[in-house]
């Protein structure tokens, strides 16, 4: 493929643009891969690696205004801090993610981050703020009319109001969640468990225990240890509330045997302490009370260790952020250097292209001048030959000129005849359509249609193209109409029009169609015009007009 000089810079710029777009797409894909590895490290509890990768991805996303990638990096960074029990830092990141979601992303990301923010506030016992963000999420789900999201938000609100002992309000949202999520069997178990919690808190112990017992076998099949522990514990609480400490002890120990996590184990120890106290086994009650204290201290120690680790992570992340800033500065310098080289290269290419183009134009101009000089010489020789022939063929030229004029007149006559025939055909067609319409009995009763038909018939009796016809006729037959009016001033404009059509060699039938009159009326008009011109019976009107 040969590139023309004038198109070469454009070709280069197009190539560079396509290369840049491919580079951007590749970089975006690279950013997604970093986030994916960072999330994997989060699930493996390698928080230092996870936050470093997510910070790098966030920096890359913010440089390129990739809002989805920026949100994912910030949100999962907050998740890291939440797992490390640094709720304050987690909340900061969630709020930053929320700002990106409401400005640039959709409702799905907004709902996700609102729920996480509410969980943080609930953990910190800031229930007013927790309720505010859960309600925001619920209102958004309602606004976008997404039944599944409304159901999930209603579960969150129901659990929250159970925890804050607003039981009637909790029941309202839980019933709503059950309606919206009735086609989601994997979530129905969770809804039922939270509803049973509500029944227990409202004092409906029998109803809560019956529902919990019905769910136990289902939860065992799902192998969901957390839900199973919760149901065992709930059944134990119902028996304790009904003053049946023996059965309460049996079911609570089942919950403990299911190996719950430390926070739930602490609740179970506290429940066991109360049950033994009801049984008047004060020694065991005190032992389990001590176990609660021990687990609490263990949890506090874990939190302190986690906070210490969080401090180390923050310190390492600060160093990593400095490294990223230095890397960004280096990338910026390299980019500026690349753009400078690129700009210089484009300028050189443009300069060379313009130079080549000017040389090409100059060569073309020189070649064109030589060709013009050659043509002038040939033209002079040809002119001398033509002058010699012109003196010998003047008479032939005059004859040819007359023939040319005659052919031109014939062509114009043909044009006028064609136009006249077209008008004739059009009028005939319209007349036939009108006659067919008026012949239909049903349509003849339609006064509006009859008025339109009469208006169209009146229009057919006039010809707006008459002035154009006369102008063309005068151009072809100069002086004919003037001479006719001078010899026969008694002729009317309709007579002159009729005569003009005859001069165009149109038949009486064709003229009748053009004038929208009957053949018989047209024939009589021709006889009247012959009488006006004083023609004898042995002289034809067409012959008389031809003689003029």
Protein backbone atom coordinates (compact mmCIF):
# COMPACT_ATOMS: atom_id res chain seq x y z
CA UNK A 1 0.00 0.00 0.00
CA UNK A 2 1.41 3.38 -1.02
CA UNK A 3 0.67 6.31 1.27
CA UNK A 4 0.29 9.68 -0.45
CA UNK A 5 2.43 12.49 0.99
CA UNK A 6 -0.54 14.65 1.98
CA UNK A 7 -2.27 11.75 3.82
CA UNK A 8 0.81 10.45 5.65
CA UNK A 9 0.50 12.63 8.84
CA UNK A 10 -3.16 11.69 9.17
CA UNK A 11 -2.24 8.00 8.81
CA UNK A 12 0.40 8.34 11.54
CA UNK A 13 -2.00 10.12 13.92
CA UNK A 14 -4.68 7.48 13.35
CA UNK A 15 -2.18 4.73 14.07
CA UNK A 16 -1.09 6.44 17.29
CA UNK A 17 -4.70 6.98 18.38
CA UNK A 18 -5.56 3.32 17.84
CA UNK A 19 -2.43 2.29 19.72
CA UNK A 20 -3.32 4.58 22.64
CA UNK A 21 -6.87 3.17 22.86
CA UNK A 22 -5.50 -0.39 22.92
CA UNK A 23 -3.06 0.62 25.68
CA UNK A 24 -5.86 2.15 27.78
CA UNK A 25 -8.02 -0.97 27.42
CA UNK A 26 -5.09 -3.14 28.45
CA UNK A 27 -4.40 -0.91 31.46
CA UNK A 28 -8.05 -1.08 32.55
CA UNK A 29 -7.93 -4.86 32.33
CA UNK A 30 -4.72 -4.80 34.37
CA UNK A 31 -6.46 -2.65 37.00
CA UNK A 32 -9.31 -5.18 37.26
CA UNK A 33 -6.80 -7.99 37.70
CA UNK A 34 -5.07 -6.12 40.55
CA UNK A 35 -8.42 -5.67 42.32
CA UNK A 36 -9.25 -9.35 41.86
CA UNK A 37 -5.93 -10.45 43.42
CA UNK A 38 -6.43 -7.92 46.25
CA UNK A 39 -9.90 -9.32 47.03
CA UNK A 40 -8.47 -12.85 47.03
CA UNK A 41 -5.82 -11.74 49.54
CA UNK A 42 -8.59 -10.20 51.69
CA UNK A 43 -10.40 -13.55 51.92
CA UNK A 44 -7.08 -15.20 52.84
CA UNK A 45 -6.64 -12.61 55.65
CA UNK A 46 -3.44 -11.30 54.07
CA UNK A 47 -4.51 -7.72 54.76
CA UNK A 48 -1.14 -6.03 54.06
CA UNK A 49 -0.93 -7.50 50.57
CA UNK A 50 -4.63 -6.90 49.94
CA UNK A 51 -4.53 -3.20 50.91
CA UNK A 52 -1.30 -2.61 48.96
CA UNK A 53 -2.83 -4.06 45.78
CA UNK A 54 -6.11 -2.22 46.26
CA UNK A 55 -4.26 1.06 46.89
CA UNK A 56 -2.30 0.60 43.67
CA UNK A 57 -5.50 -0.16 41.76
CA UNK A 58 -7.22 2.89 43.29
CA UNK A 59 -4.35 5.17 42.26
CA UNK A 60 -4.46 3.83 38.70
CA UNK A 61 -8.25 4.14 38.54
CA UNK A 62 -8.32 7.71 39.85
CA UNK A 63 -5.67 8.79 37.31
CA UNK A 64 -7.87 7.52 34.49
CA UNK A 65 -11.29 8.40 35.98
CA UNK A 66 -12.43 4.75 36.10
CA UNK A 67 -15.18 5.13 38.68
CA UNK A 68 -16.21 1.45 38.93
CA UNK A 69 -12.61 0.32 39.58
CA UNK A 70 -12.06 3.16 42.05
CA UNK A 71 -15.22 2.19 43.96
CA UNK A 72 -14.24 -1.50 44.12
CA UNK A 73 -10.74 -0.68 45.38
CA UNK A 74 -12.00 1.74 48.08
CA UNK A 75 -14.88 -0.50 49.19
CA UNK A 76 -12.72 -3.59 49.63
CA UNK A 77 -10.05 -1.56 51.42
CA UNK A 78 -12.76 -0.61 53.92
CA UNK A 79 -13.70 -4.28 54.17
CA UNK A 80 -10.09 -5.09 55.11
CA UNK A 81 -10.19 -2.61 57.96
CA UNK A 82 -13.60 -3.94 59.07
CA UNK A 83 -12.22 -7.49 59.31
CA UNK A 84 -9.24 -6.09 61.27
CA UNK A 85 -11.79 -4.50 63.70
CA UNK A 86 -10.66 -0.94 62.84
CA UNK A 87 -14.22 0.30 62.41
CA UNK A 88 -13.29 3.99 62.23
CA UNK A 89 -10.93 3.46 59.28
CA UNK A 90 -13.44 1.11 57.62
CA UNK A 91 -16.18 3.74 57.93
CA UNK A 92 -13.97 6.40 56.29
CA UNK A 93 -13.42 4.18 53.27
CA UNK A 94 -17.09 3.19 53.05
CA UNK A 95 -18.13 6.85 53.06
CA UNK A 96 -15.65 7.60 50.25
CA UNK A 97 -17.09 4.67 48.30
CA UNK A 98 -20.60 5.97 48.95
CA UNK A 99 -19.66 9.37 47.50
CA UNK A 100 -18.40 7.72 44.28
CA UNK A 101 -21.50 5.51 44.07
CA UNK A 102 -24.02 8.37 44.25
CA UNK A 103 -22.06 10.57 41.81
CA UNK A 104 -20.99 8.12 39.13
CA UNK A 105 -22.43 4.62 39.65
CA UNK A 106 -25.80 2.94 39.97
CA UNK A 107 -28.14 1.97 42.75
CA UNK A 108 -26.59 -1.49 43.25
CA UNK A 109 -23.26 -0.09 44.49
CA UNK A 110 -25.07 2.57 46.51
CA UNK A 111 -27.22 -0.01 48.31
CA UNK A 112 -24.19 -2.21 49.01
CA UNK A 113 -22.14 0.52 50.66
CA UNK A 114 -25.15 1.91 52.60
CA UNK A 115 -25.70 -1.49 54.21
CA UNK A 116 -22.02 -1.75 55.20
CA UNK A 117 -22.02 1.78 56.65
CA UNK A 118 -25.10 0.90 58.72
CA UNK A 119 -23.39 -2.26 60.04
CA UNK A 120 -20.39 -0.18 61.18
CA UNK A 121 -22.64 2.26 63.06
CA UNK A 122 -24.53 -0.64 64.66
CA UNK A 123 -21.22 -2.20 65.79
CA UNK A 124 -20.27 1.14 67.36
CA UNK A 125 -23.73 1.29 69.04
CA UNK A 126 -24.59 4.43 67.05
CA UNK A 127 -28.09 3.23 66.32
CA UNK A 128 -29.50 6.54 65.07
CA UNK A 129 -26.94 6.75 62.26
CA UNK A 130 -27.34 3.03 61.58
CA UNK A 131 -31.09 3.44 61.20
CA UNK A 132 -30.56 6.46 58.92
CA UNK A 133 -28.38 4.57 56.43
CA UNK A 134 -30.52 1.42 56.47
CA UNK A 135 -33.60 3.56 55.76
CA UNK A 136 -31.76 5.29 52.90
CA UNK A 137 -30.97 1.92 51.33
CA UNK A 138 -34.60 0.78 51.75
CA UNK A 139 -35.95 4.01 50.15
CA UNK A 140 -33.60 3.66 47.16
CA UNK A 141 -34.67 0.03 46.63
CA UNK A 142 -38.31 1.16 46.72
CA UNK A 143 -37.61 4.00 44.30
CA UNK A 144 -36.01 1.77 41.67
CA UNK A 145 -38.82 -0.80 42.22
CA UNK A 146 -36.47 -3.76 42.67
CA UNK A 147 -38.40 -6.31 44.76
CA UNK A 148 -35.33 -8.43 45.61
CA UNK A 149 -33.35 -5.44 46.87
CA UNK A 150 -36.39 -4.21 48.82
CA UNK A 151 -36.59 -7.63 50.46
CA UNK A 152 -32.92 -7.64 51.51
CA UNK A 153 -33.18 -4.08 52.86
CA UNK A 154 -36.31 -5.07 54.79
CA UNK A 155 -34.41 -8.00 56.40
CA UNK A 156 -31.65 -5.60 57.50
CA UNK A 157 -34.18 -3.19 59.00
CA UNK A 158 -36.04 -6.03 60.74
CA UNK A 159 -32.82 -7.36 62.31
CA UNK A 160 -31.82 -3.84 63.34
CA UNK A 161 -35.15 -3.14 65.04
CA UNK A 162 -35.00 -6.53 66.80
CA UNK A 163 -31.61 -5.54 68.17
CA UNK A 164 -32.89 -2.11 69.30
CA UNK A 165 -36.06 -3.69 70.78
CA UNK A 166 -38.48 -1.91 68.42
CA UNK A 167 -40.34 -5.14 67.88
CA UNK A 168 -43.55 -4.00 66.18
CA UNK A 169 -41.60 -2.04 63.61
CA UNK A 170 -39.27 -5.01 63.13
CA UNK A 171 -42.23 -7.34 62.46
CA UNK A 172 -43.60 -4.96 59.79
CA UNK A 173 -40.35 -5.07 57.81
CA UNK A 174 -39.84 -8.81 58.29
CA UNK A 175 -43.33 -9.57 56.95
CA UNK A 176 -42.57 -7.34 53.98
CA UNK A 177 -39.26 -9.18 53.38
CA UNK A 178 -41.08 -12.50 53.41
CA UNK A 179 -43.48 -11.26 50.71
CA UNK A 180 -40.77 -9.86 48.45
CA UNK A 181 -38.42 -12.85 48.83
CA UNK A 182 -40.97 -15.67 48.63
CA UNK A 183 -39.33 -16.89 45.40
CA UNK A 184 -35.86 -16.91 46.99
CA UNK A 185 -35.70 -20.17 49.01
CA UNK A 186 -32.04 -19.61 49.90
CA UNK A 187 -33.04 -16.43 51.78
CA UNK A 188 -36.37 -17.61 53.20
CA UNK A 189 -34.59 -19.51 56.02
CA UNK A 190 -32.84 -16.32 57.13
CA UNK A 191 -36.14 -14.38 57.05
CA UNK A 192 -37.85 -17.05 59.14
CA UNK A 193 -35.02 -17.10 61.71
CA UNK A 194 -35.20 -13.31 62.17
CA UNK A 195 -39.01 -13.55 62.44
CA UNK A 196 -38.62 -16.23 65.14
CA UNK A 197 -36.19 -13.94 66.99
CA UNK A 198 -38.92 -11.31 66.89
CA UNK A 199 -41.48 -13.80 68.26
CA UNK A 200 -39.14 -14.72 71.11
CA UNK A 201 -38.44 -11.09 71.98
CA UNK A 202 -42.20 -10.38 71.99
CA UNK A 203 -42.71 -13.26 74.47
CA UNK A 204 -44.27 -15.77 72.06
CA UNK A 205 -41.98 -18.55 73.25
CA UNK A 206 -44.07 -21.50 72.05
CA UNK A 207 -44.46 -20.03 68.57
CA UNK A 208 -40.71 -19.27 68.41
CA UNK A 209 -39.72 -22.78 69.57
CA UNK A 210 -42.17 -24.53 67.22
CA UNK A 211 -40.82 -22.58 64.25
CA UNK A 212 -37.20 -23.16 65.29
CA UNK A 213 -37.71 -26.93 65.67
CA UNK A 214 -39.29 -27.04 62.20
CA UNK A 215 -36.25 -25.28 60.72
CA UNK A 216 -33.54 -27.37 62.43
CA UNK A 217 -33.62 -30.26 59.95
CA UNK A 218 -33.61 -27.87 56.97
CA UNK A 219 -30.62 -25.98 58.34
CA UNK A 220 -28.77 -29.25 58.99
CA UNK A 221 -29.14 -30.15 55.31
CA UNK A 222 -27.76 -26.76 54.29
CA UNK A 223 -24.80 -27.33 56.62
CA UNK A 224 -25.05 -23.73 57.81
CA UNK A 225 -23.38 -23.96 61.23
CA UNK A 226 -24.12 -20.36 62.19
CA UNK A 227 -27.89 -20.71 61.62
CA UNK A 228 -27.96 -24.08 63.40
CA UNK A 229 -26.22 -22.63 66.50
CA UNK A 230 -28.67 -19.73 66.45
CA UNK A 231 -31.70 -22.09 66.36
CA UNK A 232 -30.34 -24.28 69.20
CA UNK A 233 -29.69 -21.19 71.28
CA UNK A 234 -33.18 -19.83 70.52
CA UNK A 235 -34.84 -23.10 71.60
CA UNK A 236 -32.82 -23.02 74.83
CA UNK A 237 -33.96 -19.45 75.50
CA UNK A 238 -37.63 -20.41 75.03
CA UNK A 239 -37.38 -23.21 77.60
CA UNK A 240 -35.55 -20.91 80.02
CA UNK A 241 -38.28 -18.28 79.62
CA UNK A 242 -40.92 -20.97 80.32
CA UNK A 243 -39.08 -21.98 83.53
CA UNK A 244 -37.96 -25.34 82.14
CA UNK A 245 -34.21 -25.19 82.85
CA UNK A 246 -33.56 -28.89 82.16
CA UNK A 247 -34.62 -28.68 78.49
CA UNK A 248 -33.09 -25.23 78.24
CA UNK A 249 -29.75 -26.72 79.35
CA UNK A 250 -30.04 -29.58 76.83
CA UNK A 251 -30.59 -27.35 73.81
CA UNK A 252 -28.07 -24.71 74.89
CA UNK A 253 -25.37 -27.36 75.20
CA UNK A 254 -26.26 -28.49 71.67
CA UNK A 255 -25.55 -24.94 70.54
CA UNK A 256 -22.19 -25.00 72.35
CA UNK A 257 -21.32 -28.40 70.82
CA UNK A 258 -21.85 -26.94 67.32
CA UNK A 259 -18.58 -24.97 67.78
CA UNK A 260 -19.75 -21.35 67.39
CA UNK A 261 -17.37 -18.40 67.06
CA UNK A 262 -16.05 -16.54 70.13
CA UNK A 263 -18.74 -13.82 70.25
CA UNK A 264 -21.59 -16.35 70.02
CA UNK A 265 -19.82 -18.65 72.50
CA UNK A 266 -19.74 -15.78 74.97
CA UNK A 267 -23.53 -15.38 74.61
CA UNK A 268 -24.00 -19.14 75.13
CA UNK A 269 -21.81 -19.10 78.27
CA UNK A 270 -23.89 -16.27 79.64
CA UNK A 271 -27.09 -18.22 78.85
CA UNK A 272 -25.70 -21.38 80.52
CA UNK A 273 -24.76 -19.37 83.60
CA UNK A 274 -28.36 -18.17 83.91
CA UNK A 275 -29.77 -21.67 83.39
CA UNK A 276 -27.53 -23.19 86.10
CA UNK A 277 -28.53 -20.37 88.39
CA UNK A 278 -32.19 -21.30 87.83
CA UNK A 279 -31.27 -24.93 88.62
CA UNK A 280 -29.53 -23.63 91.79
CA UNK A 281 -26.20 -25.07 90.60
CA UNK A 282 -24.37 -21.99 91.72
CA UNK A 283 -20.89 -23.42 91.25
CA UNK A 284 -21.50 -24.21 87.56
CA UNK A 285 -23.25 -20.84 87.16
CA UNK A 286 -20.17 -19.04 88.47
CA UNK A 287 -17.87 -21.16 86.27
CA UNK A 288 -19.78 -20.19 83.12
CA UNK A 289 -19.89 -16.58 84.29
CA UNK A 290 -16.09 -16.77 84.60
CA UNK A 291 -16.02 -18.29 81.10
CA UNK A 292 -17.91 -15.25 79.81
CA UNK A 293 -15.28 -13.01 81.38
CA UNK A 294 -12.49 -15.15 79.95
CA UNK A 295 -13.94 -15.05 76.45
CA UNK A 296 -14.51 -11.31 76.79
CA UNK A 297 -10.86 -10.82 77.76
CA UNK A 298 -9.82 -13.09 74.91
CA UNK A 299 -11.89 -11.04 72.46
CA UNK A 300 -10.44 -7.80 73.82
CA UNK A 301 -6.96 -9.23 73.47
CA UNK A 302 -7.72 -10.27 69.90
CA UNK A 303 -9.05 -6.78 69.19
CA UNK A 304 -5.90 -5.22 70.68
CA UNK A 305 -3.71 -7.52 68.58
CA UNK A 306 -5.80 -6.69 65.52
CA UNK A 307 -5.52 -2.96 66.25
CA UNK A 308 -1.75 -3.33 66.61
CA UNK A 309 -1.63 -5.20 63.33
CA UNK A 310 -3.81 -2.51 61.79
CA UNK A 311 -1.30 0.10 62.92
CA UNK A 312 1.49 -1.90 61.27
CA UNK A 313 -0.59 -2.23 58.11
CA UNK A 314 -1.25 1.52 58.04
CA UNK A 315 2.48 2.21 58.45
CA UNK A 316 3.34 -0.19 55.63
CA UNK A 317 0.56 1.27 53.47
CA UNK A 318 1.90 4.79 54.03
CA UNK A 319 5.31 3.63 52.77
CA UNK A 320 3.62 1.88 49.87
CA UNK A 321 1.66 5.05 49.04
CA UNK A 322 4.94 6.98 48.97
CA UNK A 323 6.34 4.39 46.57
CA UNK A 324 3.22 4.73 44.41
CA UNK A 325 3.56 8.54 44.43
CA UNK A 326 7.20 8.20 43.33
CA UNK A 327 6.20 5.69 40.67
CA UNK A 328 3.42 8.03 39.48
CA UNK A 329 5.89 10.92 39.25
CA UNK A 330 8.25 8.73 37.22
CA UNK A 331 5.40 7.61 34.95
CA UNK A 332 4.33 11.25 34.51
CA UNK A 333 7.89 12.25 33.57
CA UNK A 334 8.19 9.34 31.14
CA UNK A 335 4.82 10.19 29.66
CA UNK A 336 5.79 13.83 29.13
CA UNK A 337 9.07 12.72 27.57
CA UNK A 338 7.22 10.30 25.29
CA UNK A 339 4.73 12.99 24.26
CA UNK A 340 7.61 15.41 23.57
CA UNK A 341 9.35 12.86 21.32
CA UNK A 342 6.02 12.04 19.71
CA UNK A 343 5.26 15.71 19.06
CA UNK A 344 8.72 16.28 17.60
CA UNK A 345 8.32 13.23 15.35
CA UNK A 346 4.91 14.43 14.14
CA UNK A 347 6.33 17.90 13.40
CA UNK A 348 9.21 16.37 11.40
CA UNK A 349 6.79 14.15 9.49
CA UNK A 350 4.51 17.11 8.74
CA UNK A 351 7.50 19.23 7.60
CA UNK A 352 8.77 16.45 5.30
CA UNK A 353 5.27 15.86 3.97
CA UNK A 354 4.80 19.56 3.18
CA UNK A 355 8.22 19.68 1.51
CA UNK A 356 7.46 16.64 -0.64
CA UNK A 357 4.05 18.03 -1.45
CA UNK A 358 5.50 21.39 -2.55
CA UNK A 359 8.07 19.64 -4.73
CA UNK A 360 5.32 17.58 -6.30
CA UNK A 361 3.22 20.70 -6.98
CA UNK A 362 6.22 22.48 -8.50
CA UNK A 363 6.92 19.53 -10.83
CA UNK A 364 3.28 19.41 -11.84
CA UNK A 365 3.27 23.14 -12.57
CA UNK A 366 6.39 22.89 -14.76
CA UNK A 367 4.89 19.97 -16.66
CA UNK A 368 1.62 21.85 -17.07
CA UNK A 369 3.39 24.96 -18.47
CA UNK A 370 5.23 22.81 -21.05
CA UNK A 371 1.95 21.16 -22.06
CA UNK A 372 0.22 24.55 -22.37
CA UNK A 373 3.04 25.90 -24.60
CA UNK A 374 2.73 22.85 -26.84
CA UNK A 375 -1.04 23.32 -27.01
CA UNK A 376 -0.63 27.00 -27.98
CA UNK A 377 1.66 26.08 -30.88
CA UNK A 378 -0.77 23.42 -32.05
CA UNK A 379 -3.66 25.85 -31.67
CA UNK A 380 -1.94 28.46 -33.88
CA UNK A 381 -1.28 25.88 -36.59
CA UNK A 382 -4.85 24.67 -36.39
CA UNK A 383 -6.15 28.26 -36.54
CA UNK A 384 -4.23 28.92 -39.76
CA UNK A 385 -5.69 25.74 -41.27
CA UNK A 386 -9.20 26.66 -40.13
CA UNK A 387 -8.92 30.17 -41.59
CA UNK A 388 -7.99 28.70 -44.95
CA UNK A 389 -10.92 26.28 -44.85
CA UNK A 390 -13.30 28.98 -43.59
CA UNK A 391 -12.86 31.15 -46.68
CA UNK A 392 -13.71 28.16 -48.90
CA UNK A 393 -16.73 26.89 -46.96
CA UNK A 394 -18.72 29.99 -46.01
CA UNK A 395 -21.66 28.95 -48.13
CA UNK A 396 -21.60 25.44 -46.67
CA UNK A 397 -21.51 26.89 -43.15
CA UNK A 398 -24.50 29.13 -43.93
CA UNK A 399 -26.47 26.11 -45.17
CA UNK A 400 -25.48 24.09 -42.12
CA UNK A 401 -26.49 26.99 -39.87
CA UNK A 402 -29.91 27.12 -41.48
CA UNK A 403 -30.32 23.38 -41.04
CA UNK A 404 -29.24 23.69 -37.45
CA UNK A 405 -31.81 26.38 -36.79
CA UNK A 406 -34.46 24.31 -38.49
CA UNK A 407 -33.60 21.29 -36.33
CA UNK A 408 -33.62 23.46 -33.25
CA UNK A 409 -37.11 24.71 -34.13
CA UNK A 410 -38.23 21.15 -34.70
CA UNK A 411 -36.83 20.09 -31.33
CA UNK A 412 -38.62 22.95 -29.57
CA UNK A 413 -41.84 22.06 -31.39
CA UNK A 414 -41.39 18.48 -30.22
CA UNK A 415 -40.90 19.67 -26.68
CA UNK A 416 -44.04 21.80 -26.76
CA UNK A 417 -45.98 18.94 -28.34
CA UNK A 418 -44.77 16.57 -25.64
CA UNK A 419 -45.82 18.99 -22.90
CA UNK A 420 -49.20 19.48 -24.55
CA UNK A 421 -49.73 15.73 -24.87
CA UNK A 422 -48.75 15.27 -21.22
CA UNK A 423 -51.36 17.82 -20.15
CA UNK A 424 -53.85 16.10 -22.44
CA UNK A 425 -53.16 12.71 -20.87
CA UNK A 426 -53.33 14.11 -17.37
CA UNK A 427 -56.70 15.80 -18.00
CA UNK A 428 -58.12 12.68 -19.62
CA UNK A 429 -57.06 10.53 -16.65
CA UNK A 430 -58.48 12.97 -14.11
CA UNK A 431 -61.72 13.27 -16.12
CA UNK A 432 -62.10 9.48 -16.20
CA UNK A 433 -61.51 9.28 -12.43
CA UNK A 434 -64.07 12.02 -11.78
CA UNK A 435 -66.64 10.36 -14.06
CA UNK A 436 -66.13 7.01 -12.29
CA UNK A 437 -66.56 8.71 -8.90
CA UNK A 438 -69.76 10.53 -9.92
CA UNK A 439 -71.19 7.29 -11.35
CA UNK A 440 -71.11 5.55 -7.96
CA UNK A 441 -74.57 6.07 -6.32
CA UNK A 442 -73.25 5.91 -2.76
CA UNK A 443 -70.59 8.58 -3.43
CA UNK A 444 -73.01 10.88 -5.29
CA UNK A 445 -74.87 11.35 -2.01
CA UNK A 446 -71.75 12.69 -0.32
CA UNK A 447 -72.07 16.48 -0.64
CA UNK A 448 -68.48 17.17 0.47
CA UNK A 449 -67.09 14.72 -2.13
CA UNK A 450 -69.37 16.19 -4.89
CA UNK A 451 -68.11 19.70 -4.02
CA UNK A 452 -64.50 18.53 -4.34
CA UNK A 453 -65.30 16.81 -7.68
CA UNK A 454 -66.91 20.00 -9.06
CA UNK A 455 -63.93 22.07 -7.88
CA UNK A 456 -61.54 19.66 -9.62
CA UNK A 457 -63.67 19.77 -12.82
CA UNK A 458 -63.56 23.56 -12.79
CA UNK A 459 -59.82 23.35 -12.31
CA UNK A 460 -59.53 21.06 -15.34
CA UNK A 461 -61.29 23.71 -17.46
CA UNK A 462 -58.48 26.14 -16.70
CA UNK A 463 -54.82 25.68 -17.55
CA UNK A 464 -52.26 27.48 -15.44
CA UNK A 465 -49.55 26.38 -17.85
CA UNK A 466 -51.03 28.45 -20.73
CA UNK A 467 -48.64 31.38 -20.23
CA UNK A 468 -45.62 29.05 -20.35
CA UNK A 469 -47.06 27.39 -23.46
CA UNK A 470 -47.51 30.77 -25.24
CA UNK A 471 -43.97 31.84 -24.30
CA UNK A 472 -42.45 28.66 -25.74
CA UNK A 473 -44.71 28.88 -28.81
CA UNK A 474 -43.58 32.47 -29.49
CA UNK A 475 -39.93 31.45 -29.19
CA UNK A 476 -40.39 28.74 -31.81
CA UNK A 477 -42.84 30.52 -34.13
CA UNK A 478 -41.69 34.12 -33.85
CA UNK A 479 -44.22 36.64 -35.15
CA UNK A 480 -46.93 34.10 -35.99
CA UNK A 481 -49.42 35.07 -33.25
CA UNK A 482 -48.77 38.78 -33.78
CA UNK A 483 -49.45 38.42 -37.50
CA UNK A 484 -52.60 36.36 -36.79
CA UNK A 485 -53.99 39.00 -34.40
CA UNK A 486 -53.24 41.75 -36.91
CA UNK A 487 -55.03 39.98 -39.81
CA UNK A 488 -57.92 38.76 -37.66
CA UNK A 489 -58.51 41.04 -34.65
CA UNK A 490 -61.94 39.49 -34.06
CA UNK A 491 -60.32 36.28 -32.75
CA UNK A 492 -60.70 35.65 -28.99
CA UNK A 493 -57.99 34.31 -26.67
CA UNK A 494 -59.68 30.88 -26.71
CA UNK A 495 -59.63 30.95 -30.52
CA UNK A 496 -55.92 31.79 -30.52
CA UNK A 497 -55.27 28.98 -28.08
CA UNK A 498 -57.20 26.54 -30.29
CA UNK A 499 -55.24 27.70 -33.37
CA UNK A 500 -51.94 27.30 -31.48
CA UNK A 501 -52.78 23.67 -30.75
CA UNK A 502 -53.63 23.12 -34.41
CA UNK A 503 -50.24 24.55 -35.37
CA UNK A 504 -48.64 21.92 -33.14
CA UNK A 505 -50.26 19.25 -35.35
CA UNK A 506 -52.53 18.07 -32.50
CA UNK A 507 -55.73 16.24 -33.53
CA UNK A 508 -59.21 17.47 -32.66
CA UNK A 509 -59.57 14.60 -30.16
CA UNK A 510 -56.31 15.59 -28.40
CA UNK A 511 -57.36 19.24 -28.28
CA UNK A 512 -60.77 18.31 -26.83
CA UNK A 513 -59.03 16.36 -24.06
CA UNK A 514 -56.70 19.26 -23.27
CA UNK A 515 -59.58 21.77 -23.17
CA UNK A 516 -61.76 19.32 -21.26
CA UNK A 517 -64.62 19.56 -23.77
CA UNK A 518 -66.35 16.98 -25.93
CA UNK A 519 -65.07 15.94 -29.30
CA UNK A 520 -68.22 17.35 -30.97
CA UNK A 521 -67.85 20.72 -29.25
CA UNK A 522 -64.20 20.86 -30.31
CA UNK A 523 -65.11 20.09 -33.94
CA UNK A 524 -67.77 22.85 -33.96
CA UNK A 525 -65.27 25.33 -32.49
CA UNK A 526 -62.93 24.56 -35.39
CA UNK A 527 -65.76 25.27 -37.85
CA UNK A 528 -66.58 28.57 -36.10
CA UNK A 529 -62.92 29.66 -36.26
CA UNK A 530 -62.79 28.78 -40.00
CA UNK A 531 -65.89 30.95 -40.48
CA UNK A 532 -64.31 33.85 -38.56
CA UNK A 533 -61.23 33.63 -40.80
CA UNK A 534 -63.50 33.72 -43.90
CA UNK A 535 -62.30 30.40 -45.28
CA UNK A 536 -64.24 28.72 -48.06
CA UNK A 537 -65.38 25.13 -47.96
CA UNK A 538 -62.56 24.00 -50.20
CA UNK A 539 -59.84 25.50 -47.93
CA UNK A 540 -58.69 23.65 -44.82
CA UNK A 541 -57.96 25.63 -41.63
CA UNK A 542 -54.70 23.69 -41.18
CA UNK A 543 -53.59 24.59 -44.72
CA UNK A 544 -54.39 28.24 -44.18
CA UNK A 545 -52.37 28.37 -40.97
CA UNK A 546 -49.45 26.58 -42.63
CA UNK A 547 -49.48 29.18 -45.43
CA UNK A 548 -48.99 31.93 -42.84
